[in-house]
């Protein structure tokens, strides 16, 4: 499901392509700060309240709330593996946000410069 090779993304399920199209649109509409706030809200919906992290079980239980309900267990596990940067088997908020941005190559290409050029 999760691939960094853009040529293979067309063969993936529709939910992946919809997400790729949706995140850059959100970034343009909300700006960097608004996008981060929305990602944080998504994290809150998916996390296990007792741990404050997204586990496979909490992701599976809540995936449909973010339009990921049609993903198979192996696809959800792959998403967890790709996002789990510290190897603890769960996603903290930073890992989740990084994963969401990484799943959207267009966002990386077109919008990432705003993060670095953003001035208060």
PDB file of N, CA and C in Angstrom:
ATOM      1  N   UNK A   1       0.821  -1.197   0.000  1.00  0.00           N
ATOM      2  CA  UNK A   1       0.000   0.000   0.000  1.00  0.00           C
ATOM      3  C   UNK A   1       0.853   1.243   0.000  1.00  0.00           C
ATOM      4  N   UNK A   2       1.799   1.329   0.926  1.00  0.00           N
ATOM      5  CA  UNK A   2       2.586   2.536   1.063  1.00  0.00           C
ATOM      6  C   UNK A   2       3.828   2.398   0.217  1.00  0.00           C
ATOM      7  N   UNK A   3       4.003   3.314  -0.679  1.00  0.00           N
ATOM      8  CA  UNK A   3       5.122   3.242  -1.596  1.00  0.00           C
ATOM      9  C   UNK A   3       5.672   4.631  -1.818  1.00  0.00           C
ATOM     10  N   UNK A   4       6.978   4.700  -1.885  1.00  0.00           N
ATOM     11  CA  UNK A   4       7.591   5.992  -2.192  1.00  0.00           C
ATOM     12  C   UNK A   4       7.753   6.166  -3.696  1.00  0.00           C
ATOM     13  N   UNK A   5       7.510   5.108  -4.441  1.00  0.00           N
ATOM     14  CA  UNK A   5       7.616   5.147  -5.894  1.00  0.00           C
ATOM     15  C   UNK A   5       6.292   5.632  -6.464  1.00  0.00           C
ATOM     16  N   UNK A   6       6.265   6.856  -6.955  1.00  0.00           N
ATOM     17  CA  UNK A   6       5.018   7.455  -7.430  1.00  0.00           C
ATOM     18  C   UNK A   6       4.398   6.686  -8.578  1.00  0.00           C
ATOM     19  N   UNK A   7       5.215   5.997  -9.396  1.00  0.00           N
ATOM     20  CA  UNK A   7       4.669   5.278 -10.534  1.00  0.00           C
ATOM     21  C   UNK A   7       3.789   4.127 -10.093  1.00  0.00           C
ATOM     22  N   UNK A   8       4.039   3.562  -8.913  1.00  0.00           N
ATOM     23  CA  UNK A   8       3.237   2.444  -8.445  1.00  0.00           C
ATOM     24  C   UNK A   8       1.982   2.902  -7.723  1.00  0.00           C
ATOM     25  N   UNK A   9       1.875   4.159  -7.389  1.00  0.00           N
ATOM     26  CA  UNK A   9       0.731   4.625  -6.614  1.00  0.00           C
ATOM     27  C   UNK A   9      -0.570   4.486  -7.386  1.00  0.00           C
ATOM     28  N   UNK A  10      -0.526   4.578  -8.683  1.00  0.00           N
ATOM     29  CA  UNK A  10      -1.738   4.452  -9.474  1.00  0.00           C
ATOM     30  C   UNK A  10      -2.371   3.084  -9.357  1.00  0.00           C
ATOM     31  N   UNK A  11      -1.576   2.062  -9.036  1.00  0.00           N
ATOM     32  CA  UNK A  11      -2.091   0.712  -8.910  1.00  0.00           C
ATOM     33  C   UNK A  11      -2.673   0.454  -7.531  1.00  0.00           C
ATOM     34  N   UNK A  12      -2.472   1.362  -6.607  1.00  0.00           N
ATOM     35  CA  UNK A  12      -2.953   1.188  -5.244  1.00  0.00           C
ATOM     36  C   UNK A  12      -4.437   1.457  -5.168  1.00  0.00           C
ATOM     37  N   UNK A  13      -4.998   1.140  -3.995  1.00  0.00           N
ATOM     38  CA  UNK A  13      -6.424   1.378  -3.779  1.00  0.00           C
ATOM     39  C   UNK A  13      -6.761   2.854  -3.912  1.00  0.00           C
ATOM     40  N   UNK A  14      -7.996   3.149  -4.213  1.00  0.00           N
ATOM     41  CA  UNK A  14      -8.444   4.517  -4.374  1.00  0.00           C
ATOM     42  C   UNK A  14      -8.222   5.374  -3.149  1.00  0.00           C
ATOM     43  N   UNK A  15      -8.276   4.787  -1.963  1.00  0.00           N
ATOM     44  CA  UNK A  15      -8.114   5.580  -0.749  1.00  0.00           C
ATOM     45  C   UNK A  15      -6.738   6.225  -0.695  1.00  0.00           C
ATOM     46  N   UNK A  16      -5.726   5.547  -1.210  1.00  0.00           N
ATOM     47  CA  UNK A  16      -4.379   6.111  -1.216  1.00  0.00           C
ATOM     48  C   UNK A  16      -4.305   7.309  -2.152  1.00  0.00           C
ATOM     49  N   UNK A  17      -4.866   7.179  -3.329  1.00  0.00           N
ATOM     50  CA  UNK A  17      -4.839   8.284  -4.274  1.00  0.00           C
ATOM     51  C   UNK A  17      -5.660   9.453  -3.755  1.00  0.00           C
ATOM     52  N   UNK A  18      -6.776   9.181  -3.114  1.00  0.00           N
ATOM     53  CA  UNK A  18      -7.581  10.257  -2.570  1.00  0.00           C
ATOM     54  C   UNK A  18      -6.816  10.998  -1.486  1.00  0.00           C
ATOM     55  N   UNK A  19      -6.105  10.261  -0.641  1.00  0.00           N
ATOM     56  CA  UNK A  19      -5.326  10.907   0.401  1.00  0.00           C
ATOM     57  C   UNK A  19      -4.237  11.777  -0.204  1.00  0.00           C
ATOM     58  N   UNK A  20      -3.549  11.254  -1.216  1.00  0.00           N
ATOM     59  CA  UNK A  20      -2.485  12.029  -1.851  1.00  0.00           C
ATOM     60  C   UNK A  20      -3.021  13.335  -2.408  1.00  0.00           C
ATOM     61  N   UNK A  21      -4.213  13.315  -2.937  1.00  0.00           N
ATOM     62  CA  UNK A  21      -4.805  14.519  -3.497  1.00  0.00           C
ATOM     63  C   UNK A  21      -5.329  15.438  -2.397  1.00  0.00           C
ATOM     64  N   UNK A  22      -5.796  14.862  -1.305  1.00  0.00           N
ATOM     65  CA  UNK A  22      -6.460  15.611  -0.252  1.00  0.00           C
ATOM     66  C   UNK A  22      -5.496  16.428   0.606  1.00  0.00           C
ATOM     67  N   UNK A  23      -4.368  15.852   1.010  1.00  0.00           N
ATOM     68  CA  UNK A  23      -3.453  16.544   1.912  1.00  0.00           C
ATOM     69  C   UNK A  23      -2.877  17.826   1.289  1.00  0.00           C
ATOM     70  N   UNK A  24      -2.400  17.804   0.033  1.00  0.00           N
ATOM     71  CA  UNK A  24      -1.925  19.073  -0.547  1.00  0.00           C
ATOM     72  C   UNK A  24      -3.025  20.122  -0.650  1.00  0.00           C
ATOM     73  N   UNK A  25      -4.237  19.678  -0.941  1.00  0.00           N
ATOM     74  CA  UNK A  25      -5.367  20.610  -1.007  1.00  0.00           C
ATOM     75  C   UNK A  25      -5.603  21.241   0.355  1.00  0.00           C
ATOM     76  N   UNK A  26      -5.551  20.424   1.416  1.00  0.00           N
ATOM     77  CA  UNK A  26      -5.703  20.953   2.772  1.00  0.00           C
ATOM     78  C   UNK A  26      -4.592  21.939   3.103  1.00  0.00           C
ATOM     79  N   UNK A  27      -3.373  21.619   2.698  1.00  0.00           N
ATOM     80  CA  UNK A  27      -2.239  22.499   3.000  1.00  0.00           C
ATOM     81  C   UNK A  27      -2.416  23.855   2.332  1.00  0.00           C
ATOM     82  N   UNK A  28      -2.869  23.843   1.091  1.00  0.00           N
ATOM     83  CA  UNK A  28      -3.080  25.113   0.390  1.00  0.00           C
ATOM     84  C   UNK A  28      -4.212  25.909   1.032  1.00  0.00           C
ATOM     85  N   UNK A  29      -5.262  25.205   1.444  1.00  0.00           N
ATOM     86  CA  UNK A  29      -6.421  25.878   2.011  1.00  0.00           C
ATOM     87  C   UNK A  29      -6.158  26.392   3.426  1.00  0.00           C
ATOM     88  N   UNK A  30      -5.519  25.560   4.257  1.00  0.00           N
ATOM     89  CA  UNK A  30      -5.362  25.882   5.673  1.00  0.00           C
ATOM     90  C   UNK A  30      -4.043  26.552   6.025  1.00  0.00           C
ATOM     91  N   UNK A  31      -3.049  26.449   5.149  1.00  0.00           N
ATOM     92  CA  UNK A  31      -1.719  26.920   5.486  1.00  0.00           C
ATOM     93  C   UNK A  31      -1.018  25.910   6.377  1.00  0.00           C
ATOM     94  N   UNK A  32       0.227  26.146   6.649  1.00  0.00           N
ATOM     95  CA  UNK A  32       1.040  25.198   7.405  1.00  0.00           C
ATOM     96  C   UNK A  32       0.483  24.995   8.811  1.00  0.00           C
ATOM     97  N   UNK A  33       0.210  26.072   9.514  1.00  0.00           N
ATOM     98  CA  UNK A  33      -0.286  25.939  10.890  1.00  0.00           C
ATOM     99  C   UNK A  33      -1.629  25.223  10.939  1.00  0.00           C
ATOM    100  N   UNK A  34      -2.517  25.548  10.032  1.00  0.00           N
ATOM    101  CA  UNK A  34      -3.824  24.899   9.994  1.00  0.00           C
ATOM    102  C   UNK A  34      -3.708  23.419   9.666  1.00  0.00           C
ATOM    103  N   UNK A  35      -2.802  23.075   8.748  1.00  0.00           N
ATOM    104  CA  UNK A  35      -2.599  21.674   8.391  1.00  0.00           C
ATOM    105  C   UNK A  35      -2.082  20.896   9.604  1.00  0.00           C
ATOM    106  N   UNK A  36      -1.143  21.470  10.316  1.00  0.00           N
ATOM    107  CA  UNK A  36      -0.593  20.806  11.502  1.00  0.00           C
ATOM    108  C   UNK A  36      -1.693  20.594  12.537  1.00  0.00           C
ATOM    109  N   UNK A  37      -2.553  21.585  12.725  1.00  0.00           N
ATOM    110  CA  UNK A  37      -3.662  21.440  13.665  1.00  0.00           C
ATOM    111  C   UNK A  37      -4.596  20.304  13.253  1.00  0.00           C
ATOM    112  N   UNK A  38      -4.872  20.203  11.948  1.00  0.00           N
ATOM    113  CA  UNK A  38      -5.749  19.139  11.465  1.00  0.00           C
ATOM    114  C   UNK A  38      -5.094  17.773  11.624  1.00  0.00           C
ATOM    115  N   UNK A  39      -3.794  17.689  11.372  1.00  0.00           N
ATOM    116  CA  UNK A  39      -3.083  16.427  11.580  1.00  0.00           C
ATOM    117  C   UNK A  39      -3.125  16.026  13.048  1.00  0.00           C
ATOM    118  N   UNK A  40      -2.987  16.997  13.928  1.00  0.00           N
ATOM    119  CA  UNK A  40      -3.063  16.715  15.371  1.00  0.00           C
ATOM    120  C   UNK A  40      -4.446  16.195  15.752  1.00  0.00           C
ATOM    121  N   UNK A  41      -5.497  16.753  15.156  1.00  0.00           N
ATOM    122  CA  UNK A  41      -6.848  16.267  15.412  1.00  0.00           C
ATOM    123  C   UNK A  41      -6.999  14.826  14.923  1.00  0.00           C
ATOM    124  N   UNK A  42      -6.423  14.534  13.751  1.00  0.00           N
ATOM    125  CA  UNK A  42      -6.462  13.168  13.235  1.00  0.00           C
ATOM    126  C   UNK A  42      -5.743  12.209  14.159  1.00  0.00           C
ATOM    127  N   UNK A  43      -4.610  12.637  14.695  1.00  0.00           N
ATOM    128  CA  UNK A  43      -3.874  11.813  15.644  1.00  0.00           C
ATOM    129  C   UNK A  43      -4.734  11.519  16.866  1.00  0.00           C
ATOM    130  N   UNK A  44      -5.407  12.535  17.381  1.00  0.00           N
ATOM    131  CA  UNK A  44      -6.253  12.367  18.561  1.00  0.00           C
ATOM    132  C   UNK A  44      -7.368  11.344  18.314  1.00  0.00           C
ATOM    133  N   UNK A  45      -7.905  11.323  17.094  1.00  0.00           N
ATOM    134  CA  UNK A  45      -8.967  10.375  16.756  1.00  0.00           C
ATOM    135  C   UNK A  45      -8.459   8.939  16.718  1.00  0.00           C
ATOM    136  N   UNK A  46      -7.204   8.755  16.337  1.00  0.00           N
ATOM    137  CA  UNK A  46      -6.661   7.415  16.142  1.00  0.00           C
ATOM    138  C   UNK A  46      -5.914   6.853  17.346  1.00  0.00           C
ATOM    139  N   UNK A  47      -5.474   7.709  18.240  1.00  0.00           N
ATOM    140  CA  UNK A  47      -4.607   7.243  19.328  1.00  0.00           C
ATOM    141  C   UNK A  47      -5.363   6.445  20.379  1.00  0.00           C
ATOM    142  N   UNK A  48      -4.593   5.640  21.080  1.00  0.00           N
ATOM    143  CA  UNK A  48      -5.085   4.888  22.230  1.00  0.00           C
ATOM    144  C   UNK A  48      -5.009   5.827  23.430  1.00  0.00           C
ATOM    145  N   UNK A  49      -6.139   6.204  24.037  1.00  0.00           N
ATOM    146  CA  UNK A  49      -6.102   7.175  25.136  1.00  0.00           C
ATOM    147  C   UNK A  49      -5.183   6.775  26.293  1.00  0.00           C
ATOM    148  N   UNK A  50      -5.084   5.496  26.575  1.00  0.00           N
ATOM    149  CA  UNK A  50      -4.272   5.058  27.717  1.00  0.00           C
ATOM    150  C   UNK A  50      -2.769   5.227  27.483  1.00  0.00           C
ATOM    151  N   UNK A  51      -2.340   5.202  26.214  1.00  0.00           N
ATOM    152  CA  UNK A  51      -0.906   5.312  25.915  1.00  0.00           C
ATOM    153  C   UNK A  51      -0.534   6.641  25.282  1.00  0.00           C
ATOM    154  N   UNK A  52      -1.522   7.329  24.686  1.00  0.00           N
ATOM    155  CA  UNK A  52      -1.224   8.566  23.970  1.00  0.00           C
ATOM    156  C   UNK A  52      -0.510   8.317  22.656  1.00  0.00           C
ATOM    157  N   UNK A  53      -0.598   7.079  22.153  1.00  0.00           N
ATOM    158  CA  UNK A  53       0.038   6.706  20.881  1.00  0.00           C
ATOM    159  C   UNK A  53      -0.954   5.920  20.034  1.00  0.00           C
ATOM    160  N   UNK A  54      -0.664   5.871  18.747  1.00  0.00           N
ATOM    161  CA  UNK A  54      -1.458   5.056  17.839  1.00  0.00           C
ATOM    162  C   UNK A  54      -0.842   3.662  17.823  1.00  0.00           C
ATOM    163  N   UNK A  55      -1.640   2.677  18.204  1.00  0.00           N
ATOM    164  CA  UNK A  55      -1.227   1.286  18.130  1.00  0.00           C
ATOM    165  C   UNK A  55      -1.927   0.657  16.923  1.00  0.00           C
ATOM    166  N   UNK A  56      -1.500  -0.539  16.547  1.00  0.00           N
ATOM    167  CA  UNK A  56      -2.194  -1.220  15.451  1.00  0.00           C
ATOM    168  C   UNK A  56      -3.669  -1.371  15.785  1.00  0.00           C
ATOM    169  N   UNK A  57      -3.980  -1.775  17.015  1.00  0.00           N
ATOM    170  CA  UNK A  57      -5.375  -1.985  17.410  1.00  0.00           C
ATOM    171  C   UNK A  57      -6.184  -0.694  17.359  1.00  0.00           C
ATOM    172  N   UNK A  58      -5.606   0.414  17.833  1.00  0.00           N
ATOM    173  CA  UNK A  58      -6.358   1.679  17.793  1.00  0.00           C
ATOM    174  C   UNK A  58      -6.512   2.172  16.359  1.00  0.00           C
ATOM    175  N   UNK A  59      -5.489   1.933  15.528  1.00  0.00           N
ATOM    176  CA  UNK A  59      -5.588   2.317  14.119  1.00  0.00           C
ATOM    177  C   UNK A  59      -6.680   1.504  13.436  1.00  0.00           C
ATOM    178  N   UNK A  60      -6.680   0.213  13.668  1.00  0.00           N
ATOM    179  CA  UNK A  60      -7.693  -0.656  13.056  1.00  0.00           C
ATOM    180  C   UNK A  60      -9.096  -0.277  13.530  1.00  0.00           C
ATOM    181  N   UNK A  61      -9.229  -0.032  14.813  1.00  0.00           N
ATOM    182  CA  UNK A  61     -10.530   0.296  15.404  1.00  0.00           C
ATOM    183  C   UNK A  61     -11.073   1.635  14.892  1.00  0.00           C
ATOM    184  N   UNK A  62     -10.207   2.602  14.636  1.00  0.00           N
ATOM    185  CA  UNK A  62     -10.641   3.961  14.302  1.00  0.00           C
ATOM    186  C   UNK A  62     -10.355   4.389  12.865  1.00  0.00           C
ATOM    187  N   UNK A  63      -9.791   3.511  12.051  1.00  0.00           N
ATOM    188  CA  UNK A  63      -9.381   3.886  10.690  1.00  0.00           C
ATOM    189  C   UNK A  63     -10.531   4.423   9.853  1.00  0.00           C
ATOM    190  N   UNK A  64     -11.716   3.879  10.024  1.00  0.00           N
ATOM    191  CA  UNK A  64     -12.841   4.324   9.202  1.00  0.00           C
ATOM    192  C   UNK A  64     -13.202   5.782   9.477  1.00  0.00           C
ATOM    193  N   UNK A  65     -12.860   6.284  10.664  1.00  0.00           N
ATOM    194  CA  UNK A  65     -13.153   7.683  11.001  1.00  0.00           C
ATOM    195  C   UNK A  65     -12.376   8.652  10.120  1.00  0.00           C
ATOM    196  N   UNK A  66     -11.246   8.174   9.560  1.00  0.00           N
ATOM    197  CA  UNK A  66     -10.440   9.025   8.677  1.00  0.00           C
ATOM    198  C   UNK A  66     -10.485   8.543   7.232  1.00  0.00           C
ATOM    199  N   UNK A  67     -11.468   7.730   6.899  1.00  0.00           N
ATOM    200  CA  UNK A  67     -11.604   7.261   5.530  1.00  0.00           C
ATOM    201  C   UNK A  67     -10.650   6.147   5.159  1.00  0.00           C
ATOM    202  N   UNK A  68     -10.090   5.460   6.149  1.00  0.00           N
ATOM    203  CA  UNK A  68      -9.148   4.371   5.891  1.00  0.00           C
ATOM    204  C   UNK A  68      -9.768   3.013   6.197  1.00  0.00           C
ATOM    205  N   UNK A  69     -11.063   2.942   6.321  1.00  0.00           N
ATOM    206  CA  UNK A  69     -11.745   1.730   6.744  1.00  0.00           C
ATOM    207  C   UNK A  69     -11.617   0.555   5.813  1.00  0.00           C
ATOM    208  N   UNK A  70     -11.321   0.785   4.554  1.00  0.00           N
ATOM    209  CA  UNK A  70     -11.227  -0.311   3.598  1.00  0.00           C
ATOM    210  C   UNK A  70      -9.835  -0.929   3.538  1.00  0.00           C
ATOM    211  N   UNK A  71      -8.897  -0.403   4.305  1.00  0.00           N
ATOM    212  CA  UNK A  71      -7.556  -0.963   4.291  1.00  0.00           C
ATOM    213  C   UNK A  71      -7.528  -2.298   5.016  1.00  0.00           C
ATOM    214  N   UNK A  72      -6.775  -3.244   4.450  1.00  0.00           N
ATOM    215  CA  UNK A  72      -6.604  -4.567   5.065  1.00  0.00           C
ATOM    216  C   UNK A  72      -5.622  -4.475   6.231  1.00  0.00           C
ATOM    217  N   UNK A  73      -5.631  -5.492   7.074  1.00  0.00           N
ATOM    218  CA  UNK A  73      -4.712  -5.526   8.217  1.00  0.00           C
ATOM    219  C   UNK A  73      -3.263  -5.388   7.790  1.00  0.00           C
ATOM    220  N   UNK A  74      -2.872  -6.087   6.704  1.00  0.00           N
ATOM    221  CA  UNK A  74      -1.479  -6.004   6.268  1.00  0.00           C
ATOM    222  C   UNK A  74      -1.117  -4.594   5.809  1.00  0.00           C
ATOM    223  N   UNK A  75      -2.071  -3.866   5.236  1.00  0.00           N
ATOM    224  CA  UNK A  75      -1.821  -2.486   4.822  1.00  0.00           C
ATOM    225  C   UNK A  75      -1.696  -1.567   6.032  1.00  0.00           C
ATOM    226  N   UNK A  76      -2.536  -1.787   7.040  1.00  0.00           N
ATOM    227  CA  UNK A  76      -2.437  -1.001   8.265  1.00  0.00           C
ATOM    228  C   UNK A  76      -1.116  -1.287   8.987  1.00  0.00           C
ATOM    229  N   UNK A  77      -0.713  -2.556   9.008  1.00  0.00           N
ATOM    230  CA  UNK A  77       0.567  -2.919   9.625  1.00  0.00           C
ATOM    231  C   UNK A  77       1.731  -2.272   8.888  1.00  0.00           C
ATOM    232  N   UNK A  78       1.662  -2.245   7.562  1.00  0.00           N
ATOM    233  CA  UNK A  78       2.720  -1.600   6.776  1.00  0.00           C
ATOM    234  C   UNK A  78       2.777  -0.107   7.084  1.00  0.00           C
ATOM    235  N   UNK A  79       1.616   0.509   7.225  1.00  0.00           N
ATOM    236  CA  UNK A  79       1.563   1.924   7.577  1.00  0.00           C
ATOM    237  C   UNK A  79       2.231   2.147   8.938  1.00  0.00           C
ATOM    238  N   UNK A  80       1.929   1.274   9.886  1.00  0.00           N
ATOM    239  CA  UNK A  80       2.539   1.375  11.213  1.00  0.00           C
ATOM    240  C   UNK A  80       4.054   1.210  11.130  1.00  0.00           C
ATOM    241  N   UNK A  81       4.500   0.201  10.382  1.00  0.00           N
ATOM    242  CA  UNK A  81       5.946  -0.048  10.251  1.00  0.00           C
ATOM    243  C   UNK A  81       6.654   1.147   9.615  1.00  0.00           C
ATOM    244  N   UNK A  82       6.048   1.704   8.577  1.00  0.00           N
ATOM    245  CA  UNK A  82       6.686   2.824   7.891  1.00  0.00           C
ATOM    246  C   UNK A  82       6.767   4.059   8.779  1.00  0.00           C
ATOM    247  N   UNK A  83       5.750   4.263   9.589  1.00  0.00           N
ATOM    248  CA  UNK A  83       5.722   5.461  10.424  1.00  0.00           C
ATOM    249  C   UNK A  83       6.474   5.344  11.732  1.00  0.00           C
ATOM    250  N   UNK A  84       6.738   4.127  12.187  1.00  0.00           N
ATOM    251  CA  UNK A  84       7.341   3.892  13.502  1.00  0.00           C
ATOM    252  C   UNK A  84       8.854   4.139  13.443  1.00  0.00           C
ATOM    253  N   UNK A  85       9.244   5.379  13.614  1.00  0.00           N
ATOM    254  CA  UNK A  85      10.654   5.759  13.476  1.00  0.00           C
ATOM    255  C   UNK A  85      11.517   5.300  14.640  1.00  0.00           C
ATOM    256  N   UNK A  86      10.937   5.191  15.834  1.00  0.00           N
ATOM    257  CA  UNK A  86      11.746   4.793  16.988  1.00  0.00           C
ATOM    258  C   UNK A  86      11.654   3.301  17.304  1.00  0.00           C
ATOM    259  N   UNK A  87      10.871   2.554  16.520  1.00  0.00           N
ATOM    260  CA  UNK A  87      10.806   1.106  16.661  1.00  0.00           C
ATOM    261  C   UNK A  87      10.067   0.587  17.874  1.00  0.00           C
ATOM    262  N   UNK A  88       9.205   1.413  18.476  1.00  0.00           N
ATOM    263  CA  UNK A  88       8.495   0.959  19.678  1.00  0.00           C
ATOM    264  C   UNK A  88       7.160   0.273  19.370  1.00  0.00           C
ATOM    265  N   UNK A  89       6.835   0.125  18.082  1.00  0.00           N
ATOM    266  CA  UNK A  89       5.604  -0.557  17.704  1.00  0.00           C
ATOM    267  C   UNK A  89       4.363   0.310  17.720  1.00  0.00           C
ATOM    268  N   UNK A  90       4.524   1.598  17.964  1.00  0.00           N
ATOM    269  CA  UNK A  90       3.394   2.532  18.007  1.00  0.00           C
ATOM    270  C   UNK A  90       3.833   3.854  17.386  1.00  0.00           C
ATOM    271  N   UNK A  91       2.863   4.691  17.066  1.00  0.00           N
ATOM    272  CA  UNK A  91       3.153   6.005  16.485  1.00  0.00           C
ATOM    273  C   UNK A  91       2.840   7.092  17.494  1.00  0.00           C
ATOM    274  N   UNK A  92       3.833   7.917  17.787  1.00  0.00           N
ATOM    275  CA  UNK A  92       3.538   9.101  18.588  1.00  0.00           C
ATOM    276  C   UNK A  92       3.077  10.199  17.636  1.00  0.00           C
ATOM    277  N   UNK A  93       2.739  11.341  18.177  1.00  0.00           N
ATOM    278  CA  UNK A  93       2.168  12.404  17.339  1.00  0.00           C
ATOM    279  C   UNK A  93       3.124  12.859  16.252  1.00  0.00           C
ATOM    280  N   UNK A  94       4.408  13.004  16.570  1.00  0.00           N
ATOM    281  CA  UNK A  94       5.380  13.443  15.559  1.00  0.00           C
ATOM    282  C   UNK A  94       5.528  12.399  14.463  1.00  0.00           C
ATOM    283  N   UNK A  95       5.610  11.129  14.826  1.00  0.00           N
ATOM    284  CA  UNK A  95       5.735  10.068  13.820  1.00  0.00           C
ATOM    285  C   UNK A  95       4.509  10.055  12.905  1.00  0.00           C
ATOM    286  N   UNK A  96       3.329  10.245  13.479  1.00  0.00           N
ATOM    287  CA  UNK A  96       2.101  10.273  12.693  1.00  0.00           C
ATOM    288  C   UNK A  96       2.123  11.420  11.693  1.00  0.00           C
ATOM    289  N   UNK A  97       2.486  12.612  12.142  1.00  0.00           N
ATOM    290  CA  UNK A  97       2.520  13.778  11.251  1.00  0.00           C
ATOM    291  C   UNK A  97       3.548  13.577  10.135  1.00  0.00           C
ATOM    292  N   UNK A  98       4.703  13.054  10.475  1.00  0.00           N
ATOM    293  CA  UNK A  98       5.732  12.786   9.466  1.00  0.00           C
ATOM    294  C   UNK A  98       5.208  11.775   8.445  1.00  0.00           C
ATOM    295  N   UNK A  99       4.563  10.719   8.923  1.00  0.00           N
ATOM    296  CA  UNK A  99       4.021   9.702   8.026  1.00  0.00           C
ATOM    297  C   UNK A  99       2.983  10.301   7.084  1.00  0.00           C
ATOM    298  N   UNK A 100       2.097  11.121   7.591  1.00  0.00           N
ATOM    299  CA  UNK A 100       1.059  11.712   6.748  1.00  0.00           C
ATOM    300  C   UNK A 100       1.661  12.578   5.646  1.00  0.00           C
ATOM    301  N   UNK A 101       2.693  13.324   5.979  1.00  0.00           N
ATOM    302  CA  UNK A 101       3.347  14.156   4.969  1.00  0.00           C
ATOM    303  C   UNK A 101       4.105  13.278   3.971  1.00  0.00           C
ATOM    304  N   UNK A 102       4.751  12.230   4.464  1.00  0.00           N
ATOM    305  CA  UNK A 102       5.492  11.335   3.572  1.00  0.00           C
ATOM    306  C   UNK A 102       4.571  10.601   2.619  1.00  0.00           C
ATOM    307  N   UNK A 103       3.340  10.340   3.014  1.00  0.00           N
ATOM    308  CA  UNK A 103       2.390   9.661   2.144  1.00  0.00           C
ATOM    309  C   UNK A 103       1.895  10.557   1.018  1.00  0.00           C
ATOM    310  N   UNK A 104       2.254  11.813   1.062  1.00  0.00           N
ATOM    311  CA  UNK A 104       1.806  12.755   0.039  1.00  0.00           C
ATOM    312  C   UNK A 104       3.009  13.407  -0.635  1.00  0.00           C
ATOM    313  N   UNK A 105       3.600  12.748  -1.644  1.00  0.00           N
ATOM    314  CA  UNK A 105       4.778  13.314  -2.318  1.00  0.00           C
ATOM    315  C   UNK A 105       4.521  14.696  -2.908  1.00  0.00           C
ATOM    316  N   UNK A 106       3.310  14.944  -3.402  1.00  0.00           N
ATOM    317  CA  UNK A 106       3.001  16.262  -3.972  1.00  0.00           C
ATOM    318  C   UNK A 106       3.138  17.342  -2.907  1.00  0.00           C
ATOM    319  N   UNK A 107       2.691  17.042  -1.705  1.00  0.00           N
ATOM    320  CA  UNK A 107       2.819  18.007  -0.618  1.00  0.00           C
ATOM    321  C   UNK A 107       4.285  18.286  -0.345  1.00  0.00           C
ATOM    322  N   UNK A 108       5.092  17.256  -0.339  1.00  0.00           N
ATOM    323  CA  UNK A 108       6.523  17.422  -0.100  1.00  0.00           C
ATOM    324  C   UNK A 108       7.134  18.330  -1.162  1.00  0.00           C
ATOM    325  N   UNK A 109       6.777  18.111  -2.406  1.00  0.00           N
ATOM    326  CA  UNK A 109       7.368  18.861  -3.505  1.00  0.00           C
ATOM    327  C   UNK A 109       6.873  20.300  -3.572  1.00  0.00           C
ATOM    328  N   UNK A 110       5.569  20.497  -3.399  1.00  0.00           N
ATOM    329  CA  UNK A 110       4.989  21.816  -3.624  1.00  0.00           C
ATOM    330  C   UNK A 110       4.882  22.685  -2.383  1.00  0.00           C
ATOM    331  N   UNK A 111       4.747  22.073  -1.216  1.00  0.00           N
ATOM    332  CA  UNK A 111       4.437  22.850  -0.029  1.00  0.00           C
ATOM    333  C   UNK A 111       5.529  22.888   1.031  1.00  0.00           C
ATOM    334  N   UNK A 112       6.479  21.979   0.997  1.00  0.00           N
ATOM    335  CA  UNK A 112       7.474  21.899   2.067  1.00  0.00           C
ATOM    336  C   UNK A 112       8.278  23.188   2.202  1.00  0.00           C
ATOM    337  N   UNK A 113       8.516  23.888   1.113  1.00  0.00           N
ATOM    338  CA  UNK A 113       9.287  25.127   1.186  1.00  0.00           C
ATOM    339  C   UNK A 113       8.625  26.155   2.094  1.00  0.00           C
ATOM    340  N   UNK A 114       7.305  26.089   2.230  1.00  0.00           N
ATOM    341  CA  UNK A 114       6.603  27.035   3.098  1.00  0.00           C
ATOM    342  C   UNK A 114       7.002  26.863   4.557  1.00  0.00           C
ATOM    343  N   UNK A 115       7.282  25.630   4.955  1.00  0.00           N
ATOM    344  CA  UNK A 115       7.689  25.375   6.338  1.00  0.00           C
ATOM    345  C   UNK A 115       8.996  26.090   6.617  1.00  0.00           C
ATOM    346  N   UNK A 116       9.921  26.040   5.667  1.00  0.00           N
ATOM    347  CA  UNK A 116      11.227  26.628   5.870  1.00  0.00           C
ATOM    348  C   UNK A 116      11.231  28.130   5.658  1.00  0.00           C
ATOM    349  N   UNK A 117      10.310  28.631   4.855  1.00  0.00           N
ATOM    350  CA  UNK A 117      10.238  30.071   4.588  1.00  0.00           C
ATOM    351  C   UNK A 117       9.254  30.781   5.492  1.00  0.00           C
ATOM    352  N   UNK A 118       8.529  30.035   6.307  1.00  0.00           N
ATOM    353  CA  UNK A 118       7.497  30.590   7.150  1.00  0.00           C
ATOM    354  C   UNK A 118       8.131  31.483   8.233  1.00  0.00           C
ATOM    355  N   UNK A 119       7.666  32.702   8.313  1.00  0.00           N
ATOM    356  CA  UNK A 119       8.156  33.637   9.326  1.00  0.00           C
ATOM    357  C   UNK A 119       6.971  34.152  10.118  1.00  0.00           C
ATOM    358  N   UNK A 120       7.149  34.295  11.405  1.00  0.00           N
ATOM    359  CA  UNK A 120       6.076  34.818  12.263  1.00  0.00           C
ATOM    360  C   UNK A 120       6.081  36.321  12.237  1.00  0.00           C
TER     361      UNK A 120
END
